Amino acid sequence: MYVVKTGRVKVSQVLPSGKKMIITFHDAGDYFGELSLIDGGTDSAMVTAVVPTTILAINNRRFHKLIQNPKIKAVLLRNLGHLREAWPR
């Protein structure tokens, strides 16, 4: 899992057509890659800094220790709930 300490990153993916599609941007305070720590899967997304950026990495052991904190767990679960918005209705 990664946390954007300062700066901004772009998350993109290469489509089967070869065209690059921007998925989202993450700014300071945002995080990404948490699903890989939860389910062990990976995505083929590329993350690129668009301005000078500092990224913090959180490994699996530290992540599982962090989510023992009820406040952190609540924030993570609330944010994971937003994934529902990505599904077409």
PDB file of N, CA and C in Angstrom:
ATOM      1  N   MET A   1       0.863  -1.171   0.000  1.00  0.00           N
ATOM      2  CA  MET A   1       0.000   0.000   0.000  1.00  0.00           C
ATOM      3  C   MET A   1       0.896   1.216   0.000  1.00  0.00           C
ATOM      4  N   TYR A   2       0.435   2.284  -0.621  1.00  0.00           N
ATOM      5  CA  TYR A   2       1.216   3.506  -0.727  1.00  0.00           C
ATOM      6  C   TYR A   2       0.380   4.703  -0.303  1.00  0.00           C
ATOM      7  N   VAL A   3       1.035   5.665   0.333  1.00  0.00           N
ATOM      8  CA  VAL A   3       0.389   6.900   0.750  1.00  0.00           C
ATOM      9  C   VAL A   3       1.134   8.045   0.077  1.00  0.00           C
ATOM     10  N   VAL A   4       0.378   8.962  -0.533  1.00  0.00           N
ATOM     11  CA  VAL A   4       0.984  10.133  -1.140  1.00  0.00           C
ATOM     12  C   VAL A   4       1.232  11.139  -0.021  1.00  0.00           C
ATOM     13  N   LYS A   5       2.495  11.319   0.335  1.00  0.00           N
ATOM     14  CA  LYS A   5       2.836  12.264   1.397  1.00  0.00           C
ATOM     15  C   LYS A   5       2.779  13.694   0.875  1.00  0.00           C
ATOM     16  N   THR A   6       3.397  13.922  -0.268  1.00  0.00           N
ATOM     17  CA  THR A   6       3.333  15.225  -0.927  1.00  0.00           C
ATOM     18  C   THR A   6       3.231  14.985  -2.426  1.00  0.00           C
ATOM     19  N   GLY A   7       2.635  15.918  -3.128  1.00  0.00           N
ATOM     20  CA  GLY A   7       2.570  15.835  -4.580  1.00  0.00           C
ATOM     21  C   GLY A   7       1.278  15.267  -5.109  1.00  0.00           C
ATOM     22  N   ARG A   8       1.380  14.708  -6.305  1.00  0.00           N
ATOM     23  CA  ARG A   8       0.198  14.176  -7.002  1.00  0.00           C
ATOM     24  C   ARG A   8       0.640  13.068  -7.937  1.00  0.00           C
ATOM     25  N   VAL A   9      -0.142  11.980  -7.979  1.00  0.00           N
ATOM     26  CA  VAL A   9       0.141  10.888  -8.909  1.00  0.00           C
ATOM     27  C   VAL A   9      -1.076  10.620  -9.783  1.00  0.00           C
ATOM     28  N   LYS A  10      -0.789  10.063 -10.943  1.00  0.00           N
ATOM     29  CA  LYS A  10      -1.829   9.683 -11.905  1.00  0.00           C
ATOM     30  C   LYS A  10      -1.838   8.163 -11.975  1.00  0.00           C
ATOM     31  N   VAL A  11      -3.026   7.570 -11.934  1.00  0.00           N
ATOM     32  CA  VAL A  11      -3.174   6.125 -12.080  1.00  0.00           C
ATOM     33  C   VAL A  11      -3.766   5.877 -13.465  1.00  0.00           C
ATOM     34  N   SER A  12      -3.070   5.070 -14.255  1.00  0.00           N
ATOM     35  CA  SER A  12      -3.546   4.798 -15.610  1.00  0.00           C
ATOM     36  C   SER A  12      -3.400   3.318 -15.922  1.00  0.00           C
ATOM     37  N   GLN A  13      -4.022   2.922 -17.010  1.00  0.00           N
ATOM     38  CA  GLN A  13      -4.010   1.534 -17.435  1.00  0.00           C
ATOM     39  C   GLN A  13      -3.960   1.500 -18.957  1.00  0.00           C
ATOM     40  N   VAL A  14      -3.253   0.526 -19.497  1.00  0.00           N
ATOM     41  CA  VAL A  14      -3.198   0.361 -20.940  1.00  0.00           C
ATOM     42  C   VAL A  14      -4.333  -0.572 -21.352  1.00  0.00           C
ATOM     43  N   LEU A  15      -5.168  -0.085 -22.252  1.00  0.00           N
ATOM     44  CA  LEU A  15      -6.301  -0.870 -22.753  1.00  0.00           C
ATOM     45  C   LEU A  15      -5.821  -1.887 -23.787  1.00  0.00           C
ATOM     46  N   PRO A  16      -6.622  -2.908 -24.070  1.00  0.00           N
ATOM     47  CA  PRO A  16      -6.230  -3.896 -25.095  1.00  0.00           C
ATOM     48  C   PRO A  16      -5.903  -3.245 -26.440  1.00  0.00           C
ATOM     49  N   SER A  17      -6.497  -2.096 -26.705  1.00  0.00           N
ATOM     50  CA  SER A  17      -6.232  -1.391 -27.962  1.00  0.00           C
ATOM     51  C   SER A  17      -4.856  -0.735 -27.972  1.00  0.00           C
ATOM     52  N   GLY A  18      -4.210  -0.701 -26.803  1.00  0.00           N
ATOM     53  CA  GLY A  18      -2.907  -0.045 -26.695  1.00  0.00           C
ATOM     54  C   GLY A  18      -3.009   1.392 -26.215  1.00  0.00           C
ATOM     55  N   LYS A  19      -4.218   1.918 -26.164  1.00  0.00           N
ATOM     56  CA  LYS A  19      -4.422   3.290 -25.699  1.00  0.00           C
ATOM     57  C   LYS A  19      -4.332   3.344 -24.180  1.00  0.00           C
ATOM     58  N   LYS A  20      -3.722   4.421 -23.662  1.00  0.00           N
ATOM     59  CA  LYS A  20      -3.600   4.584 -22.215  1.00  0.00           C
ATOM     60  C   LYS A  20      -4.819   5.350 -21.701  1.00  0.00           C
ATOM     61  N   MET A  21      -5.440   4.822 -20.631  1.00  0.00           N
ATOM     62  CA  MET A  21      -6.613   5.452 -20.040  1.00  0.00           C
ATOM     63  C   MET A  21      -6.266   5.890 -18.617  1.00  0.00           C
ATOM     64  N   ILE A  22      -6.536   7.165 -18.306  1.00  0.00           N
ATOM     65  CA  ILE A  22      -6.335   7.655 -16.946  1.00  0.00           C
ATOM     66  C   ILE A  22      -7.513   7.212 -16.106  1.00  0.00           C
ATOM     67  N   ILE A  23      -7.220   6.557 -14.982  1.00  0.00           N
ATOM     68  CA  ILE A  23      -8.266   6.055 -14.095  1.00  0.00           C
ATOM     69  C   ILE A  23      -8.608   7.095 -13.036  1.00  0.00           C
ATOM     70  N   THR A  24      -7.583   7.664 -12.403  1.00  0.00           N
ATOM     71  CA  THR A  24      -7.804   8.643 -11.338  1.00  0.00           C
ATOM     72  C   THR A  24      -6.504   9.360 -11.013  1.00  0.00           C
ATOM     73  N   PHE A  25      -6.602  10.337 -10.147  1.00  0.00           N
ATOM     74  CA  PHE A  25      -5.446  11.025  -9.591  1.00  0.00           C
ATOM     75  C   PHE A  25      -5.509  10.895  -8.076  1.00  0.00           C
ATOM     76  N   HIS A  26      -4.349  10.849  -7.427  1.00  0.00           N
ATOM     77  CA  HIS A  26      -4.268  10.846  -5.971  1.00  0.00           C
ATOM     78  C   HIS A  26      -3.387  12.001  -5.534  1.00  0.00           C
ATOM     79  N   ASP A  27      -3.871  12.760  -4.559  1.00  0.00           N
ATOM     80  CA  ASP A  27      -3.144  13.903  -4.022  1.00  0.00           C
ATOM     81  C   ASP A  27      -2.617  13.582  -2.628  1.00  0.00           C
ATOM     82  N   ALA A  28      -1.875  14.523  -2.053  1.00  0.00           N
ATOM     83  CA  ALA A  28      -1.320  14.345  -0.707  1.00  0.00           C
ATOM     84  C   ALA A  28      -2.418  13.898   0.256  1.00  0.00           C
ATOM     85  N   GLY A  29      -2.121  12.852   1.027  1.00  0.00           N
ATOM     86  CA  GLY A  29      -3.084  12.306   1.985  1.00  0.00           C
ATOM     87  C   GLY A  29      -3.866  11.123   1.444  1.00  0.00           C
ATOM     88  N   ASP A  30      -3.893  10.954   0.129  1.00  0.00           N
ATOM     89  CA  ASP A  30      -4.592   9.820  -0.472  1.00  0.00           C
ATOM     90  C   ASP A  30      -3.718   8.574  -0.403  1.00  0.00           C
ATOM     91  N   TYR A  31      -4.344   7.424  -0.551  1.00  0.00           N
ATOM     92  CA  TYR A  31      -3.598   6.172  -0.562  1.00  0.00           C
ATOM     93  C   TYR A  31      -4.125   5.274  -1.669  1.00  0.00           C
ATOM     94  N   PHE A  32      -3.309   4.300  -2.042  1.00  0.00           N
ATOM     95  CA  PHE A  32      -3.704   3.348  -3.077  1.00  0.00           C
ATOM     96  C   PHE A  32      -2.948   2.034  -2.849  1.00  0.00           C
ATOM     97  N   GLY A  33      -3.442   0.975  -3.452  1.00  0.00           N
ATOM     98  CA  GLY A  33      -2.805  -0.328  -3.332  1.00  0.00           C
ATOM     99  C   GLY A  33      -3.268  -1.140  -2.137  1.00  0.00           C
ATOM    100  N   GLU A  34      -4.248  -0.633  -1.402  1.00  0.00           N
ATOM    101  CA  GLU A  34      -4.701  -1.341  -0.203  1.00  0.00           C
ATOM    102  C   GLU A  34      -5.402  -2.655  -0.524  1.00  0.00           C
ATOM    103  N   LEU A  35      -6.062  -2.731  -1.661  1.00  0.00           N
ATOM    104  CA  LEU A  35      -6.764  -3.968  -1.997  1.00  0.00           C
ATOM    105  C   LEU A  35      -5.794  -5.135  -2.174  1.00  0.00           C
ATOM    106  N   SER A  36      -4.606  -4.853  -2.679  1.00  0.00           N
ATOM    107  CA  SER A  36      -3.604  -5.916  -2.828  1.00  0.00           C
ATOM    108  C   SER A  36      -3.214  -6.494  -1.476  1.00  0.00           C
ATOM    109  N   LEU A  37      -3.183  -5.656  -0.447  1.00  0.00           N
ATOM    110  CA  LEU A  37      -2.851  -6.146   0.882  1.00  0.00           C
ATOM    111  C   LEU A  37      -4.007  -6.904   1.513  1.00  0.00           C
ATOM    112  N   ILE A  38      -5.216  -6.632   1.062  1.00  0.00           N
ATOM    113  CA  ILE A  38      -6.392  -7.296   1.614  1.00  0.00           C
ATOM    114  C   ILE A  38      -6.633  -8.646   0.931  1.00  0.00           C
ATOM    115  N   ASP A  39      -6.593  -8.654  -0.406  1.00  0.00           N
ATOM    116  CA  ASP A  39      -6.937  -9.901  -1.110  1.00  0.00           C
ATOM    117  C   ASP A  39      -5.755 -10.587  -1.785  1.00  0.00           C
ATOM    118  N   GLY A  40      -4.582  -9.986  -1.735  1.00  0.00           N
ATOM    119  CA  GLY A  40      -3.400 -10.604  -2.330  1.00  0.00           C
ATOM    120  C   GLY A  40      -3.320 -10.483  -3.833  1.00  0.00           C
ATOM    121  N   GLY A  41      -4.311  -9.862  -4.448  1.00  0.00           N
ATOM    122  CA  GLY A  41      -4.304  -9.701  -5.902  1.00  0.00           C
ATOM    123  C   GLY A  41      -3.538  -8.464  -6.321  1.00  0.00           C
ATOM    124  N   THR A  42      -3.343  -8.352  -7.607  1.00  0.00           N
ATOM    125  CA  THR A  42      -2.696  -7.159  -8.153  1.00  0.00           C
ATOM    126  C   THR A  42      -3.459  -6.697  -9.382  1.00  0.00           C
ATOM    127  N   ASP A  43      -3.265  -5.446  -9.725  1.00  0.00           N
ATOM    128  CA  ASP A  43      -3.827  -4.867 -10.942  1.00  0.00           C
ATOM    129  C   ASP A  43      -2.684  -4.415 -11.828  1.00  0.00           C
ATOM    130  N   SER A  44      -2.964  -4.254 -13.089  1.00  0.00           N
ATOM    131  CA  SER A  44      -1.930  -3.831 -14.018  1.00  0.00           C
ATOM    132  C   SER A  44      -1.938  -2.314 -14.221  1.00  0.00           C
ATOM    133  N   ALA A  45      -2.306  -1.577 -13.198  1.00  0.00           N
ATOM    134  CA  ALA A  45      -2.326  -0.119 -13.300  1.00  0.00           C
ATOM    135  C   ALA A  45      -0.918   0.436 -13.138  1.00  0.00           C
ATOM    136  N   MET A  46      -0.675   1.571 -13.770  1.00  0.00           N
ATOM    137  CA  MET A  46       0.593   2.278 -13.638  1.00  0.00           C
ATOM    138  C   MET A  46       0.341   3.542 -12.827  1.00  0.00           C
ATOM    139  N   VAL A  47       1.227   3.846 -11.898  1.00  0.00           N
ATOM    140  CA  VAL A  47       1.122   5.053 -11.096  1.00  0.00           C
ATOM    141  C   VAL A  47       2.332   5.915 -11.421  1.00  0.00           C
ATOM    142  N   THR A  48       2.058   7.165 -11.835  1.00  0.00           N
ATOM    143  CA  THR A  48       3.110   8.067 -12.272  1.00  0.00           C
ATOM    144  C   THR A  48       2.971   9.399 -11.557  1.00  0.00           C
ATOM    145  N   ALA A  49       4.077   9.908 -11.014  1.00  0.00           N
ATOM    146  CA  ALA A  49       4.053  11.231 -10.380  1.00  0.00           C
ATOM    147  C   ALA A  49       3.877  12.287 -11.469  1.00  0.00           C
ATOM    148  N   VAL A  50       2.967  13.238 -11.243  1.00  0.00           N
ATOM    149  CA  VAL A  50       2.750  14.309 -12.216  1.00  0.00           C
ATOM    150  C   VAL A  50       3.383  15.622 -11.760  1.00  0.00           C
ATOM    151  N   VAL A  51       3.784  15.675 -10.511  1.00  0.00           N
ATOM    152  CA  VAL A  51       4.567  16.783  -9.947  1.00  0.00           C
ATOM    153  C   VAL A  51       5.555  16.130  -8.978  1.00  0.00           C
ATOM    154  N   PRO A  52       6.569  16.858  -8.497  1.00  0.00           N
ATOM    155  CA  PRO A  52       7.463  16.244  -7.505  1.00  0.00           C
ATOM    156  C   PRO A  52       6.638  15.662  -6.352  1.00  0.00           C
ATOM    157  N   THR A  53       6.889  14.401  -6.038  1.00  0.00           N
ATOM    158  CA  THR A  53       6.017  13.645  -5.136  1.00  0.00           C
ATOM    159  C   THR A  53       6.846  12.794  -4.177  1.00  0.00           C
ATOM    160  N   THR A  54       6.360  12.681  -2.949  1.00  0.00           N
ATOM    161  CA  THR A  54       6.937  11.757  -1.969  1.00  0.00           C
ATOM    162  C   THR A  54       5.882  10.726  -1.634  1.00  0.00           C
ATOM    163  N   ILE A  55       6.261   9.458  -1.754  1.00  0.00           N
ATOM    164  CA  ILE A  55       5.357   8.336  -1.502  1.00  0.00           C
ATOM    165  C   ILE A  55       5.867   7.553  -0.297  1.00  0.00           C
ATOM    166  N   LEU A  56       4.962   7.174   0.586  1.00  0.00           N
ATOM    167  CA  LEU A  56       5.297   6.304   1.704  1.00  0.00           C
ATOM    168  C   LEU A  56       4.775   4.908   1.387  1.00  0.00           C
ATOM    169  N   ALA A  57       5.592   3.897   1.626  1.00  0.00           N
ATOM    170  CA  ALA A  57       5.178   2.512   1.388  1.00  0.00           C
ATOM    171  C   ALA A  57       4.850   1.854   2.720  1.00  0.00           C
ATOM    172  N   ILE A  58       3.746   1.117   2.737  1.00  0.00           N
ATOM    173  CA  ILE A  58       3.334   0.381   3.937  1.00  0.00           C
ATOM    174  C   ILE A  58       3.288  -1.094   3.558  1.00  0.00           C
ATOM    175  N   ASN A  59       4.129  -1.892   4.214  1.00  0.00           N
ATOM    176  CA  ASN A  59       4.162  -3.316   3.877  1.00  0.00           C
ATOM    177  C   ASN A  59       2.999  -4.064   4.540  1.00  0.00           C
ATOM    178  N   ASN A  60       2.864  -5.315   4.190  1.00  0.00           N
ATOM    179  CA  ASN A  60       1.744  -6.137   4.647  1.00  0.00           C
ATOM    180  C   ASN A  60       1.670  -6.215   6.173  1.00  0.00           C
ATOM    181  N   ARG A  61       2.807  -6.462   6.825  1.00  0.00           N
ATOM    182  CA  ARG A  61       2.815  -6.586   8.290  1.00  0.00           C
ATOM    183  C   ARG A  61       2.375  -5.284   8.949  1.00  0.00           C
ATOM    184  N   ARG A  62       2.895  -4.164   8.490  1.00  0.00           N
ATOM    185  CA  ARG A  62       2.540  -2.856   9.064  1.00  0.00           C
ATOM    186  C   ARG A  62       1.074  -2.528   8.795  1.00  0.00           C
ATOM    187  N   PHE A  63       0.589  -2.856   7.607  1.00  0.00           N
ATOM    188  CA  PHE A  63      -0.799  -2.599   7.253  1.00  0.00           C
ATOM    189  C   PHE A  63      -1.743  -3.330   8.209  1.00  0.00           C
ATOM    190  N   HIS A  64      -1.474  -4.608   8.434  1.00  0.00           N
ATOM    191  CA  HIS A  64      -2.355  -5.383   9.311  1.00  0.00           C
ATOM    192  C   HIS A  64      -2.271  -4.899  10.758  1.00  0.00           C
ATOM    193  N   LYS A  65      -1.142  -4.362  11.145  1.00  0.00           N
ATOM    194  CA  LYS A  65      -1.031  -3.771  12.474  1.00  0.00           C
ATOM    195  C   LYS A  65      -1.841  -2.463  12.538  1.00  0.00           C
ATOM    196  N   LEU A  66      -1.755  -1.652  11.485  1.00  0.00           N
ATOM    197  CA  LEU A  66      -2.481  -0.380  11.451  1.00  0.00           C
ATOM    198  C   LEU A  66      -3.991  -0.573  11.523  1.00  0.00           C
ATOM    199  N   ILE A  67      -4.506  -1.580  10.812  1.00  0.00           N
ATOM    200  CA  ILE A  67      -5.963  -1.732  10.774  1.00  0.00           C
ATOM    201  C   ILE A  67      -6.525  -2.317  12.072  1.00  0.00           C
ATOM    202  N   GLN A  68      -5.678  -2.600  13.026  1.00  0.00           N
ATOM    203  CA  GLN A  68      -6.174  -2.977  14.355  1.00  0.00           C
ATOM    204  C   GLN A  68      -6.697  -1.750  15.095  1.00  0.00           C
ATOM    205  N   ASN A  69      -6.256  -0.563  14.653  1.00  0.00           N
ATOM    206  CA  ASN A  69      -6.732   0.691  15.234  1.00  0.00           C
ATOM    207  C   ASN A  69      -8.165   0.923  14.728  1.00  0.00           C
ATOM    208  N   PRO A  70      -9.147   1.019  15.633  1.00  0.00           N
ATOM    209  CA  PRO A  70     -10.549   1.165  15.201  1.00  0.00           C
ATOM    210  C   PRO A  70     -10.798   2.370  14.291  1.00  0.00           C
ATOM    211  N   LYS A  71     -10.117   3.485  14.520  1.00  0.00           N
ATOM    212  CA  LYS A  71     -10.335   4.674  13.680  1.00  0.00           C
ATOM    213  C   LYS A  71      -9.821   4.437  12.263  1.00  0.00           C
ATOM    214  N   ILE A  72      -8.646   3.842  12.154  1.00  0.00           N
ATOM    215  CA  ILE A  72      -8.089   3.561  10.831  1.00  0.00           C
ATOM    216  C   ILE A  72      -8.937   2.528  10.112  1.00  0.00           C
ATOM    217  N   LYS A  73      -9.376   1.498  10.838  1.00  0.00           N
ATOM    218  CA  LYS A  73     -10.221   0.467  10.242  1.00  0.00           C
ATOM    219  C   LYS A  73     -11.525   1.079   9.719  1.00  0.00           C
ATOM    220  N   ALA A  74     -12.123   1.988  10.481  1.00  0.00           N
ATOM    221  CA  ALA A  74     -13.380   2.614  10.068  1.00  0.00           C
ATOM    222  C   ALA A  74     -13.193   3.431   8.788  1.00  0.00           C
ATOM    223  N   VAL A  75     -12.101   4.178   8.711  1.00  0.00           N
ATOM    224  CA  VAL A  75     -11.833   4.982   7.503  1.00  0.00           C
ATOM    225  C   VAL A  75     -11.634   4.066   6.301  1.00  0.00           C
ATOM    226  N   LEU A  76     -10.851   3.011   6.476  1.00  0.00           N
ATOM    227  CA  LEU A  76     -10.591   2.085   5.383  1.00  0.00           C
ATOM    228  C   LEU A  76     -11.891   1.430   4.910  1.00  0.00           C
ATOM    229  N   LEU A  77     -12.691   0.954   5.824  1.00  0.00           N
ATOM    230  CA  LEU A  77     -13.947   0.314   5.434  1.00  0.00           C
ATOM    231  C   LEU A  77     -14.899   1.286   4.744  1.00  0.00           C
ATOM    232  N   ARG A  78     -14.964   2.514   5.234  1.00  0.00           N
ATOM    233  CA  ARG A  78     -15.814   3.525   4.595  1.00  0.00           C
ATOM    234  C   ARG A  78     -15.338   3.782   3.166  1.00  0.00           C
ATOM    235  N   ASN A  79     -14.025   3.898   2.983  1.00  0.00           N
ATOM    236  CA  ASN A  79     -13.489   4.154   1.644  1.00  0.00           C
ATOM    237  C   ASN A  79     -13.676   2.957   0.723  1.00  0.00           C
ATOM    238  N   LEU A  80     -13.546   1.758   1.248  1.00  0.00           N
ATOM    239  CA  LEU A  80     -13.797   0.579   0.427  1.00  0.00           C
ATOM    240  C   LEU A  80     -15.256   0.526  -0.003  1.00  0.00           C
ATOM    241  N   GLY A  81     -16.148   1.017   0.838  1.00  0.00           N
ATOM    242  CA  GLY A  81     -17.565   1.076   0.484  1.00  0.00           C
ATOM    243  C   GLY A  81     -17.829   1.951  -0.721  1.00  0.00           C
ATOM    244  N   HIS A  82     -16.961   2.919  -0.970  1.00  0.00           N
ATOM    245  CA  HIS A  82     -17.121   3.798  -2.134  1.00  0.00           C
ATOM    246  C   HIS A  82     -16.869   3.065  -3.450  1.00  0.00           C
ATOM    247  N   LEU A  83     -16.257   1.891  -3.373  1.00  0.00           N
ATOM    248  CA  LEU A  83     -16.049   1.103  -4.589  1.00  0.00           C
ATOM    249  C   LEU A  83     -17.376   0.759  -5.249  1.00  0.00           C
ATOM    250  N   ARG A  84     -18.421   0.708  -4.456  1.00  0.00           N
ATOM    251  CA  ARG A  84     -19.752   0.418  -4.991  1.00  0.00           C
ATOM    252  C   ARG A  84     -20.143   1.420  -6.075  1.00  0.00           C
ATOM    253  N   GLU A  85     -19.678   2.664  -5.924  1.00  0.00           N
ATOM    254  CA  GLU A  85     -19.997   3.709  -6.896  1.00  0.00           C
ATOM    255  C   GLU A  85     -19.401   3.421  -8.266  1.00  0.00           C
ATOM    256  N   ALA A  86     -18.375   2.570  -8.312  1.00  0.00           N
ATOM    257  CA  ALA A  86     -17.729   2.259  -9.593  1.00  0.00           C
ATOM    258  C   ALA A  86     -18.557   1.292 -10.439  1.00  0.00           C
ATOM    259  N   TRP A  87     -19.508   0.593  -9.813  1.00  0.00           N
ATOM    260  CA  TRP A  87     -20.313  -0.379 -10.538  1.00  0.00           C
ATOM    261  C   TRP A  87     -21.466   0.307 -11.262  1.00  0.00           C
ATOM    262  N   PRO A  88     -21.683  -0.049 -12.530  1.00  0.00           N
ATOM    263  CA  PRO A  88     -22.821   0.538 -13.269  1.00  0.00           C
ATOM    264  C   PRO A  88     -24.131   0.129 -12.624  1.00  0.00           C
ATOM    265  N   ARG A  89     -25.081   0.997 -12.691  1.00  0.00           N
ATOM    266  CA  ARG A  89     -26.417   0.715 -12.142  1.00  0.00           C
ATOM    267  C   ARG A  89     -27.436   0.600 -13.234  1.00  0.00           C
TER     268      ARG A  89
END
